[in-house]
Amino acid sequence: MIQSESQNGSNTQPIQTAQGQRERLRFTEFLFQRTPDGRCKAEVALDWLDGVRVRGMAAGQSSPAVDLRVAAEATLRAIETFSNGAMAFELIGAKAVRAFDANVVIVSIANKGEGPRRLLGASLVEDDAPRGAVLAVLGATNRVLGNFIATR
């Protein structure tokens, strides 16, 4: 079982932008730990304007497959925190595959808000598959997150 939580890194709410202005959350920090008792924990930090930082965290039993899910869940929680709950996602799956002589992490996400219902993201992985899961989630959610920012 994976446990996840969201955390706003400051007391400031995300800044309201002018209509049509396209800003992006910036991926600034990723911490992934495996403990001796066979668990893992991921924390993802995303920065917004004026130093506002949001964090997402998730934990679970460590295994190659669960490590990817935990990293992806932490990323989704950070995005949901940024949106103050206006956006909601469910991770359908995360998988590392070998394609075109490279390691790739693919994520499938259910979007419970505005926009397409299913999102898919992929990231090439050199040697850090959990970080690849974070990047795959950011790729999958990029368009719906951009639309959310532009219309709020």
Protein backbone atom coordinates (compact mmCIF):
# COMPACT_ATOMS: atom_id res chain seq x y z
CA MET A 1 0.00 0.00 0.00
CA ILE A 2 1.26 3.45 -0.88
CA GLN A 3 0.66 6.34 1.47
CA SER A 4 0.82 9.88 0.12
CA GLU A 5 0.33 13.37 1.40
CA SER A 6 0.60 16.93 0.17
CA GLN A 7 2.36 19.81 1.79
CA ASN A 8 2.55 23.47 0.90
CA GLY A 9 6.12 24.56 1.63
CA SER A 10 5.10 28.08 2.66
CA ASN A 11 2.15 29.85 4.18
CA THR A 12 1.63 31.74 0.95
CA GLN A 13 -1.03 30.52 -1.47
CA PRO A 14 0.02 30.15 -5.12
CA ILE A 15 0.02 33.49 -6.88
CA GLN A 16 -2.84 34.44 -9.16
CA THR A 17 -1.60 35.21 -12.67
CA ALA A 18 -3.04 37.51 -15.30
CA GLN A 19 -5.38 35.91 -17.80
CA GLY A 20 -3.43 34.22 -20.55
CA GLN A 21 -0.03 34.38 -18.84
CA ARG A 22 1.68 31.01 -19.14
CA GLU A 23 3.99 30.20 -16.28
CA ARG A 24 5.24 26.77 -15.31
CA LEU A 25 5.92 25.01 -12.09
CA ARG A 26 9.60 24.24 -11.88
CA PHE A 27 10.81 20.83 -10.72
CA THR A 28 13.44 21.75 -8.14
CA GLU A 29 13.99 18.86 -5.76
CA PHE A 30 13.57 15.11 -5.55
CA LEU A 31 14.45 13.02 -2.54
CA PHE A 32 14.08 9.25 -2.59
CA GLN A 33 15.03 7.02 0.32
CA ARG A 34 14.97 3.30 0.92
CA THR A 35 15.02 2.16 4.53
CA PRO A 36 16.54 -1.03 5.96
CA ASP A 37 13.06 -2.33 6.80
CA GLY A 38 12.13 -2.51 3.12
CA ARG A 39 10.16 0.73 2.77
CA CYS A 40 10.70 3.71 0.50
CA LYS A 41 9.77 7.37 0.69
CA ALA A 42 9.70 10.03 -2.03
CA GLU A 43 9.42 13.80 -1.75
CA VAL A 44 9.01 16.12 -4.74
CA ALA A 45 9.32 19.92 -4.61
CA LEU A 46 7.94 22.21 -7.30
CA ASP A 47 8.58 25.97 -7.30
CA TRP A 48 6.21 28.66 -8.44
CA LEU A 49 6.64 32.42 -8.72
CA ASP A 50 8.17 34.49 -5.89
CA GLY A 51 9.67 31.51 -4.11
CA VAL A 52 6.45 29.63 -3.40
CA ARG A 53 7.32 25.96 -3.07
CA VAL A 54 4.89 23.06 -2.93
CA ARG A 55 5.82 19.54 -1.88
CA GLY A 56 4.28 16.15 -2.34
CA MET A 57 5.24 13.03 -0.42
CA ALA A 58 4.46 9.35 -0.70
CA ALA A 59 5.72 6.15 0.93
CA GLY A 60 5.32 2.41 0.50
CA GLN A 61 6.99 -1.00 0.54
CA SER A 62 10.10 -0.83 -1.62
CA SER A 63 10.40 -2.86 -4.80
CA PRO A 64 11.38 -1.82 -8.32
CA ALA A 65 7.73 -1.41 -9.37
CA VAL A 66 6.53 0.25 -6.15
CA ASP A 67 9.47 2.69 -6.14
CA LEU A 68 8.17 4.09 -9.43
CA ARG A 69 4.62 4.36 -8.09
CA VAL A 70 5.77 6.11 -4.91
CA ALA A 71 7.76 8.69 -6.88
CA ALA A 72 4.84 9.27 -9.27
CA GLU A 73 2.34 9.61 -6.39
CA ALA A 74 4.54 12.19 -4.66
CA THR A 75 4.58 14.24 -7.86
CA LEU A 76 0.81 14.08 -8.24
CA ARG A 77 0.34 15.19 -4.61
CA ALA A 78 2.60 18.21 -5.21
CA ILE A 79 0.56 19.23 -8.27
CA GLU A 80 -2.71 18.80 -6.37
CA THR A 81 -1.33 20.94 -3.53
CA PHE A 82 -0.39 23.65 -6.00
CA SER A 83 -3.95 23.70 -7.33
CA ASN A 84 -5.44 23.86 -3.82
CA GLY A 85 -7.41 20.72 -4.61
CA ALA A 86 -8.88 22.01 -7.89
CA MET A 87 -6.99 19.30 -9.77
CA ALA A 88 -7.22 15.64 -8.81
CA PHE A 89 -5.40 12.66 -10.26
CA GLU A 90 -5.22 8.92 -9.75
CA LEU A 91 -2.15 6.98 -10.75
CA ILE A 92 -3.25 4.04 -12.89
CA GLY A 93 0.23 2.64 -13.36
CA ALA A 94 3.95 3.25 -13.66
CA LYS A 95 6.27 0.90 -15.49
CA ALA A 96 9.87 0.77 -16.60
CA VAL A 97 10.34 -0.74 -20.04
CA ARG A 98 13.15 -1.25 -22.49
CA ALA A 99 12.46 0.43 -25.84
CA PHE A 100 14.75 1.46 -28.70
CA ASP A 101 17.85 0.40 -26.76
CA ALA A 102 16.96 2.69 -23.84
CA ASN A 103 15.21 2.43 -20.48
CA VAL A 104 11.92 4.32 -20.40
CA VAL A 105 9.48 4.97 -17.55
CA ILE A 106 5.85 5.24 -18.63
CA VAL A 107 3.01 6.48 -16.41
CA SER A 108 -0.74 6.35 -16.93
CA ILE A 109 -2.86 8.80 -14.95
CA ALA A 110 -6.60 9.29 -14.53
CA ASN A 111 -7.50 12.99 -14.60
CA LYS A 112 -10.52 13.58 -12.37
CA GLY A 113 -10.82 17.26 -13.34
CA GLU A 114 -11.07 19.31 -16.53
CA GLY A 115 -9.48 18.04 -19.72
CA PRO A 116 -8.66 14.59 -21.02
CA ARG A 117 -9.61 11.73 -18.70
CA ARG A 118 -6.47 9.67 -19.35
CA LEU A 119 -2.98 11.11 -19.38
CA LEU A 120 0.18 9.32 -20.49
CA GLY A 121 3.76 10.39 -19.91
CA ALA A 122 7.17 8.89 -20.59
CA SER A 123 10.74 9.70 -19.70
CA LEU A 124 14.08 8.28 -20.76
CA VAL A 125 15.98 6.93 -17.78
CA GLU A 126 19.74 6.76 -17.43
CA ASP A 127 20.21 5.31 -13.95
CA ASP A 128 17.50 6.76 -11.67
CA ALA A 129 14.14 5.15 -12.48
CA PRO A 130 12.17 6.86 -9.65
CA ARG A 131 13.32 10.27 -10.92
CA GLY A 132 12.21 9.15 -14.38
CA ALA A 133 8.75 8.49 -12.94
CA VAL A 134 8.64 12.08 -11.63
CA LEU A 135 9.56 13.45 -15.06
CA ALA A 136 7.02 11.18 -16.76
CA VAL A 137 4.24 12.50 -14.48
CA LEU A 138 5.28 16.09 -15.17
CA GLY A 139 5.17 15.37 -18.89
CA ALA A 140 1.77 13.69 -18.65
CA THR A 141 0.21 16.54 -16.67
CA ASN A 142 1.92 19.41 -18.50
CA ARG A 143 -0.98 20.39 -20.74
CA VAL A 144 -3.76 20.18 -18.13
CA LEU A 145 -1.58 22.00 -15.61
CA GLY A 146 -0.79 24.71 -18.18
CA ASN A 147 -4.50 25.14 -18.94
CA PHE A 148 -5.27 25.34 -15.22
CA ILE A 149 -2.66 28.08 -14.74
CA ALA A 150 -3.86 30.04 -17.78
CA THR A 151 -7.52 30.05 -16.74
CA ARG A 152 -7.41 30.66 -13.01
